[in-house]
Amino acid sequence: MACVMLLRLGRLGMTSPFHRILCAVDFDDNCTATIRTARGLLPPGGQLFLFHAMRFPFALTRDEADLPILNAKERLREIVDEQLGKGAACEMIIEPSDDVAKSILEAARRLSAQCIVIATHARKGIDRFFLGSVAEQVVRAASCPVMTIRPQESAEHGDTGHPSRRNAE
């Protein structure tokens, strides 16, 4: 409800109460919508922090992690340039992490973020049980408001990519 009200405030020309927004990015299909939404919430002069926590399948030294982190920053810059325009003002932060939710929460605290914008994967059932939900962990533990962005519905499937009851009839 609060998120809907914030979006309506923007359409009415009123300013957002959030001047420092952390946008958690994971390079999935919903990444661009999440970045655009976070930017749309910012008033002029606001600060956008794009944060990506990189999981490595095995332990790396800081020097070994530098190349994948640099590649991720370049990829993120390309997405930002495409979605927000070349040279759009934002701070990109990419860090190695063993616990993505914890890293997002620590970054939000460290950066004094007033809002976190994060994508959900809309997993249900057994997938969610085994994979967990980073977004849910962030929502539960954050000390600031969190806006979750669900995946876009496709023409033939519902939110999760599974046939919806309406489409099956």
Protein backbone atom coordinates (compact mmCIF):
# COMPACT_ATOMS: atom_id res chain seq x y z
CA MET A 1 0.00 0.00 0.00
CA ALA A 2 2.77 2.46 0.90
CA CYS A 3 4.59 1.71 -2.37
CA VAL A 4 1.47 2.43 -4.41
CA MET A 5 1.07 5.72 -2.55
CA LEU A 6 4.71 6.64 -3.26
CA LEU A 7 4.29 5.99 -6.97
CA ARG A 8 1.16 8.14 -7.01
CA LEU A 9 3.00 10.93 -5.19
CA GLY A 10 5.54 10.99 -8.02
CA ARG A 11 2.83 11.21 -10.65
CA LEU A 12 1.28 14.14 -8.80
CA GLY A 13 4.58 16.03 -8.85
CA MET A 14 5.22 15.53 -5.14
CA THR A 15 8.69 14.55 -4.00
CA SER A 16 9.70 11.20 -2.58
CA PRO A 17 10.69 11.02 1.08
CA PHE A 18 13.67 8.87 0.07
CA HIS A 19 16.85 10.71 -0.86
CA ARG A 20 19.18 7.71 -0.48
CA ILE A 21 18.01 4.47 -2.13
CA LEU A 22 19.87 1.18 -2.26
CA CYS A 23 18.87 -0.92 -5.27
CA ALA A 24 19.90 -4.57 -4.96
CA VAL A 25 20.82 -5.94 -8.40
CA ASP A 26 21.29 -9.59 -9.36
CA PHE A 27 21.41 -9.36 -13.18
CA ASP A 28 18.24 -11.39 -13.68
CA ASP A 29 15.44 -10.53 -16.14
CA ASN A 30 13.83 -8.24 -13.56
CA CYS A 31 17.01 -6.20 -13.00
CA THR A 32 16.12 -3.39 -15.40
CA ALA A 33 12.66 -2.85 -13.91
CA THR A 34 14.19 -2.73 -10.44
CA ILE A 35 16.75 -0.10 -11.45
CA ARG A 36 14.16 2.05 -13.26
CA THR A 37 11.79 1.85 -10.28
CA ALA A 38 14.51 2.84 -7.81
CA ARG A 39 15.53 5.80 -9.98
CA GLY A 40 11.91 6.84 -10.37
CA LEU A 41 11.52 7.06 -6.60
CA LEU A 42 14.40 9.50 -6.21
CA PRO A 43 13.82 13.24 -6.10
CA PRO A 44 16.27 15.52 -7.95
CA GLY A 45 19.60 15.42 -6.14
CA GLY A 46 18.87 12.05 -4.54
CA GLN A 47 21.50 9.32 -4.36
CA LEU A 48 21.08 5.92 -6.00
CA PHE A 49 23.30 3.07 -4.86
CA LEU A 50 23.30 -0.02 -7.09
CA PHE A 51 24.49 -2.96 -5.01
CA HIS A 52 25.42 -6.45 -6.19
CA ALA A 53 26.65 -9.15 -3.82
CA MET A 54 28.72 -11.72 -5.75
CA ARG A 55 28.71 -15.29 -4.61
CA PHE A 56 31.76 -17.31 -5.54
CA PRO A 57 31.47 -21.12 -5.58
CA PHE A 58 34.86 -21.42 -3.89
CA ALA A 59 37.15 -19.25 -1.79
CA LEU A 60 39.10 -16.58 -3.66
CA THR A 61 41.71 -14.13 -2.54
CA ARG A 62 40.83 -10.45 -2.96
CA ASP A 63 43.15 -10.29 -6.00
CA GLU A 64 41.45 -13.31 -7.61
CA ALA A 65 38.02 -11.75 -7.07
CA ASP A 66 39.02 -8.44 -8.68
CA LEU A 67 38.48 -9.54 -12.31
CA PRO A 68 34.95 -10.95 -11.85
CA ILE A 69 34.03 -7.86 -9.81
CA LEU A 70 35.40 -5.57 -12.52
CA ASN A 71 33.43 -7.50 -15.17
CA ALA A 72 30.26 -7.19 -13.10
CA LYS A 73 30.79 -3.42 -12.75
CA GLU A 74 31.19 -3.10 -16.52
CA ARG A 75 28.02 -5.12 -17.10
CA LEU A 76 26.13 -3.02 -14.57
CA ARG A 77 27.37 0.22 -16.20
CA GLU A 78 26.06 -1.04 -19.57
CA ILE A 79 22.64 -1.74 -18.03
CA VAL A 80 22.56 1.68 -16.34
CA ASP A 81 23.57 3.47 -19.56
CA GLU A 82 20.87 1.61 -21.49
CA GLN A 83 18.09 2.04 -18.91
CA LEU A 84 18.84 5.43 -17.34
CA GLY A 85 20.98 7.11 -20.01
CA LYS A 86 24.73 7.40 -20.51
CA GLY A 87 26.54 8.78 -17.50
CA ALA A 88 23.49 8.53 -15.21
CA ALA A 89 24.47 9.44 -11.66
CA CYS A 90 24.61 6.43 -9.39
CA GLU A 91 27.15 4.65 -7.26
CA MET A 92 27.84 1.03 -8.18
CA ILE A 93 28.97 -1.22 -5.37
CA ILE A 94 29.92 -4.84 -5.99
CA GLU A 95 31.19 -6.98 -3.16
CA PRO A 96 31.97 -10.65 -2.63
CA SER A 97 29.52 -12.27 -0.23
CA ASP A 98 28.68 -15.56 1.43
CA ASP A 99 25.28 -14.27 2.60
CA VAL A 100 23.57 -12.00 0.07
CA ALA A 101 20.71 -10.84 2.32
CA LYS A 102 23.12 -9.95 5.12
CA SER A 103 25.36 -8.07 2.66
CA ILE A 104 22.41 -6.04 1.35
CA LEU A 105 21.32 -5.15 4.87
CA GLU A 106 24.86 -4.19 5.92
CA ALA A 107 25.29 -2.04 2.80
CA ALA A 108 21.96 -0.27 3.45
CA ARG A 109 23.06 0.50 7.01
CA ARG A 110 26.57 1.57 5.97
CA LEU A 111 25.21 3.88 3.23
CA SER A 112 22.37 5.24 5.41
CA ALA A 113 19.85 4.12 2.79
CA GLN A 114 16.32 5.33 3.44
CA CYS A 115 14.77 2.67 1.21
CA ILE A 116 15.81 -0.64 -0.38
CA VAL A 117 14.47 -1.68 -3.79
CA ILE A 118 14.90 -5.39 -4.56
CA ALA A 119 13.60 -7.84 -7.15
CA THR A 120 11.76 -11.01 -6.22
CA HIS A 121 11.86 -14.20 -8.24
CA ALA A 122 8.30 -15.14 -7.18
CA ARG A 123 9.38 -18.67 -6.33
CA LYS A 124 6.81 -20.85 -4.67
CA GLY A 125 6.65 -24.27 -3.09
CA ILE A 126 9.66 -26.55 -3.13
CA ASP A 127 11.90 -24.10 -5.03
CA ARG A 128 11.38 -21.48 -2.34
CA PHE A 129 11.88 -24.02 0.43
CA PHE A 130 15.28 -25.10 -0.91
CA LEU A 131 16.47 -21.84 -2.43
CA GLY A 132 15.04 -19.47 0.17
CA SER A 133 14.21 -15.89 -0.57
CA VAL A 134 16.79 -13.15 -0.27
CA ALA A 135 14.06 -10.55 -0.74
CA GLU A 136 12.01 -12.04 2.10
CA GLN A 137 15.02 -12.04 4.44
CA VAL A 138 15.71 -8.39 3.56
CA VAL A 139 12.07 -7.38 4.08
CA ARG A 140 11.98 -9.09 7.49
CA ALA A 141 15.25 -7.64 8.80
CA ALA A 142 15.56 -4.19 7.19
CA SER A 143 15.44 -1.10 9.36
CA CYS A 144 14.10 0.99 6.45
CA PRO A 145 11.21 0.53 3.99
CA VAL A 146 11.72 -2.12 1.30
CA MET A 147 10.03 -2.12 -2.11
CA THR A 148 9.93 -5.48 -3.86
CA ILE A 149 9.60 -5.71 -7.64
CA ARG A 150 7.92 -8.84 -8.99
CA PRO A 151 8.78 -10.30 -12.39
CA GLN A 152 6.74 -9.02 -15.32
CA GLU A 153 3.90 -11.26 -16.45
CA SER A 154 4.36 -12.78 -19.87
CA ALA A 155 1.52 -13.02 -22.35
CA GLU A 156 1.08 -16.76 -21.81
CA HIS A 157 2.14 -17.24 -18.18
CA GLY A 158 1.52 -15.71 -14.80
CA ASP A 159 4.08 -14.09 -12.52
CA THR A 160 6.17 -17.21 -12.00
CA GLY A 161 6.34 -18.50 -15.54
CA HIS A 162 3.82 -21.25 -14.79
CA PRO A 163 0.55 -21.38 -16.71
CA SER A 164 -2.07 -19.39 -14.85
CA ARG A 165 -5.53 -20.70 -14.18
CA ARG A 166 -7.03 -17.86 -16.24
CA ASN A 167 -4.91 -18.75 -19.29
CA ALA A 168 -5.66 -22.45 -18.97
CA GLU A 169 -9.43 -21.95 -19.27
